[in-house]
């Protein structure tokens, strides 16, 4: 029960990698947290903050969910047993959650996009995935227009009060 209450505090201070382009490129429908199967050198590299998930995506492989194309730099202190940087990594979810997500992925245009990679309060590597559909060009223009208007509005209010 306490795990759900701590969901926001878990990811605040320990973000490793954030996919900032995801909210611009996709319409987010639902977010879900998943564990990631990592090797020792990958964890050490993540603790050093050397990861990138901008081009990553999650998909099915043999009835399981995997994270593809996520870049975790080689650990500098690693030896010949260092990890491969872009290898597929297994995602840890309950079977019921996997079946639900795979069913939703069958719909045309729906994809699983990684939003952020972080360590939770217990020190476990977690990834926040989002079920998303790609935005059209005119939707992206609307997003830019709204973002610019919010920035201008904040600037006007700041100057008015100052």
Protein backbone atom coordinates (compact mmCIF):
# COMPACT_ATOMS: atom_id res chain seq x y z
CA UNK A 1 0.00 0.00 0.00
CA UNK A 2 2.80 2.42 0.81
CA UNK A 3 4.39 1.74 -2.62
CA UNK A 4 1.66 3.67 -4.41
CA UNK A 5 1.89 6.67 -2.10
CA UNK A 6 5.63 6.99 -2.65
CA UNK A 7 5.40 6.88 -6.45
CA UNK A 8 6.04 10.59 -6.88
CA UNK A 9 8.77 10.85 -4.25
CA UNK A 10 10.61 7.83 -5.67
CA UNK A 11 11.51 9.41 -8.95
CA UNK A 12 12.14 13.01 -7.91
CA UNK A 13 15.78 13.07 -6.83
CA UNK A 14 17.27 10.10 -8.63
CA UNK A 15 16.43 10.45 -12.32
CA UNK A 16 19.16 8.94 -14.47
CA UNK A 17 17.76 9.60 -17.93
CA UNK A 18 14.63 11.45 -19.06
CA UNK A 19 13.06 11.31 -22.51
CA UNK A 20 12.07 14.97 -22.87
CA UNK A 21 11.06 14.63 -26.53
CA UNK A 22 8.46 11.98 -25.74
CA UNK A 23 5.74 14.37 -24.55
CA UNK A 24 6.24 16.47 -27.69
CA UNK A 25 6.32 13.58 -30.16
CA UNK A 26 3.55 11.43 -28.58
CA UNK A 27 0.14 11.74 -26.95
CA UNK A 28 0.49 9.94 -23.62
CA UNK A 29 -2.46 7.73 -22.67
CA UNK A 30 -1.23 5.74 -19.67
CA UNK A 31 1.99 5.44 -17.65
CA UNK A 32 3.33 2.33 -15.94
CA UNK A 33 6.42 1.55 -13.86
CA UNK A 34 8.54 -1.51 -14.65
CA UNK A 35 11.72 -3.04 -13.32
CA UNK A 36 14.73 -3.60 -15.58
CA UNK A 37 17.04 -6.65 -15.62
CA UNK A 38 20.61 -5.29 -15.56
CA UNK A 39 24.13 -6.62 -15.15
CA UNK A 40 26.54 -5.29 -12.52
CA UNK A 41 28.49 -3.01 -14.83
CA UNK A 42 25.24 -1.53 -16.18
CA UNK A 43 24.13 -0.60 -12.66
CA UNK A 44 27.48 1.05 -11.93
CA UNK A 45 27.26 2.99 -15.19
CA UNK A 46 23.70 4.09 -14.34
CA UNK A 47 24.82 5.27 -10.90
CA UNK A 48 27.36 7.44 -12.73
CA UNK A 49 24.46 8.84 -14.81
CA UNK A 50 25.66 7.54 -18.17
CA UNK A 51 22.46 6.50 -19.96
CA UNK A 52 20.23 7.70 -22.77
CA UNK A 53 16.65 6.59 -23.57
CA UNK A 54 15.71 9.13 -26.24
CA UNK A 55 15.68 6.59 -29.10
CA UNK A 56 14.54 3.64 -26.97
CA UNK A 57 11.25 1.78 -27.18
CA UNK A 58 9.65 -1.23 -25.53
CA UNK A 59 8.23 -4.19 -27.39
CA UNK A 60 7.39 -7.87 -27.33
CA UNK A 61 9.89 -10.68 -27.68
CA UNK A 62 8.79 -14.28 -26.94
CA UNK A 63 5.71 -13.13 -25.01
CA UNK A 64 7.73 -10.85 -22.72
CA UNK A 65 8.36 -7.11 -22.71
CA UNK A 66 11.85 -5.91 -23.60
CA UNK A 67 13.52 -2.50 -23.77
CA UNK A 68 15.26 -1.99 -27.10
CA UNK A 69 17.86 0.58 -28.17
CA UNK A 70 18.45 2.04 -24.69
CA UNK A 71 22.04 3.23 -24.43
CA UNK A 72 23.95 2.55 -21.20
CA UNK A 73 27.62 3.50 -21.54
CA UNK A 74 30.29 0.93 -20.71
CA UNK A 75 31.55 1.17 -17.15
CA UNK A 76 35.02 2.70 -17.09
CA UNK A 77 36.24 0.39 -14.32
CA UNK A 78 34.83 -2.70 -16.03
CA UNK A 79 37.06 -5.42 -17.41
CA UNK A 80 36.59 -7.78 -20.34
CA UNK A 81 33.18 -8.78 -18.90
CA UNK A 82 31.79 -5.28 -19.50
CA UNK A 83 28.25 -5.11 -20.93
CA UNK A 84 27.11 -4.38 -24.49
CA UNK A 85 25.87 -0.77 -24.66
CA UNK A 86 22.65 -1.15 -26.73
CA UNK A 87 21.61 -4.70 -25.86
CA UNK A 88 17.91 -5.53 -25.34
CA UNK A 89 16.98 -5.52 -21.66
CA UNK A 90 14.13 -7.50 -20.14
CA UNK A 91 11.40 -5.54 -18.35
CA UNK A 92 9.86 -6.89 -15.16
CA UNK A 93 6.08 -6.68 -14.85
CA UNK A 94 3.29 -8.92 -13.62
CA UNK A 95 1.91 -11.34 -16.22
CA UNK A 96 -1.48 -9.66 -16.12
CA UNK A 97 0.12 -6.26 -16.83
CA UNK A 98 2.16 -7.71 -19.71
CA UNK A 99 -0.94 -9.28 -21.30
CA UNK A 100 -2.85 -5.99 -20.96
CA UNK A 101 -0.03 -3.95 -22.52
CA UNK A 102 0.55 -6.44 -25.36
CA UNK A 103 -3.17 -6.31 -26.16
CA UNK A 104 -3.05 -2.52 -26.36
CA UNK A 105 0.11 -2.62 -28.50
CA UNK A 106 -1.76 -4.57 -31.18
CA UNK A 107 -3.77 -1.42 -31.97
CA UNK A 108 -2.33 0.47 -34.93
CA UNK A 109 -0.21 3.46 -33.96
CA UNK A 110 0.17 2.58 -30.27
CA UNK A 111 3.68 2.17 -28.88
CA UNK A 112 5.41 1.82 -25.51
CA UNK A 113 7.75 4.77 -24.98
CA UNK A 114 10.20 5.02 -22.06
CA UNK A 115 9.69 8.32 -20.23
CA UNK A 116 12.33 8.15 -17.50
CA UNK A 117 14.90 5.80 -16.01
CA UNK A 118 15.55 6.16 -12.27
CA UNK A 119 16.45 4.47 -9.01
CA UNK A 120 13.56 4.10 -6.56
CA UNK A 121 13.81 4.61 -2.80
CA UNK A 122 15.10 1.04 -2.35
CA UNK A 123 17.87 1.59 -4.92
CA UNK A 124 16.31 -0.54 -7.66
CA UNK A 125 16.48 0.61 -11.28
CA UNK A 126 13.01 1.35 -12.62
CA UNK A 127 11.73 2.68 -15.91
CA UNK A 128 8.53 4.63 -16.45
CA UNK A 129 6.85 3.51 -19.66
CA UNK A 130 3.99 5.28 -21.40
CA UNK A 131 1.40 3.88 -23.78
CA UNK A 132 1.43 6.51 -26.50
CA UNK A 133 0.25 7.36 -29.99
CA UNK A 134 2.25 9.54 -32.36
CA UNK A 135 1.16 13.14 -32.78
CA UNK A 136 0.37 14.61 -36.16
CA UNK A 137 2.27 17.69 -37.37
CA UNK A 138 -0.61 20.07 -36.59
CA UNK A 139 -0.83 18.73 -33.02
CA UNK A 140 2.88 19.43 -32.55
CA UNK A 141 2.35 22.99 -33.81
CA UNK A 142 -0.48 23.45 -31.28
CA UNK A 143 1.83 22.21 -28.52
CA UNK A 144 4.51 24.73 -29.53
CA UNK A 145 1.94 27.53 -29.71
CA UNK A 146 0.55 26.73 -26.24
CA UNK A 147 4.04 26.44 -24.74
CA UNK A 148 5.05 29.84 -26.21
CA UNK A 149 1.84 31.45 -24.95
CA UNK A 150 2.38 30.09 -21.42
CA UNK A 151 5.95 31.44 -21.45
CA UNK A 152 4.81 34.87 -22.70
CA UNK A 153 1.97 34.97 -20.16
CA UNK A 154 4.39 34.21 -17.32
CA UNK A 155 6.77 36.92 -18.59
CA UNK A 156 3.94 39.49 -18.74
CA UNK A 157 2.76 38.64 -15.23
CA UNK A 158 6.30 38.80 -13.87
CA UNK A 159 6.87 42.26 -15.41
CA UNK A 160 3.46 43.50 -14.23
CA UNK A 161 4.15 42.53 -10.62
CA UNK A 162 7.75 43.74 -10.62
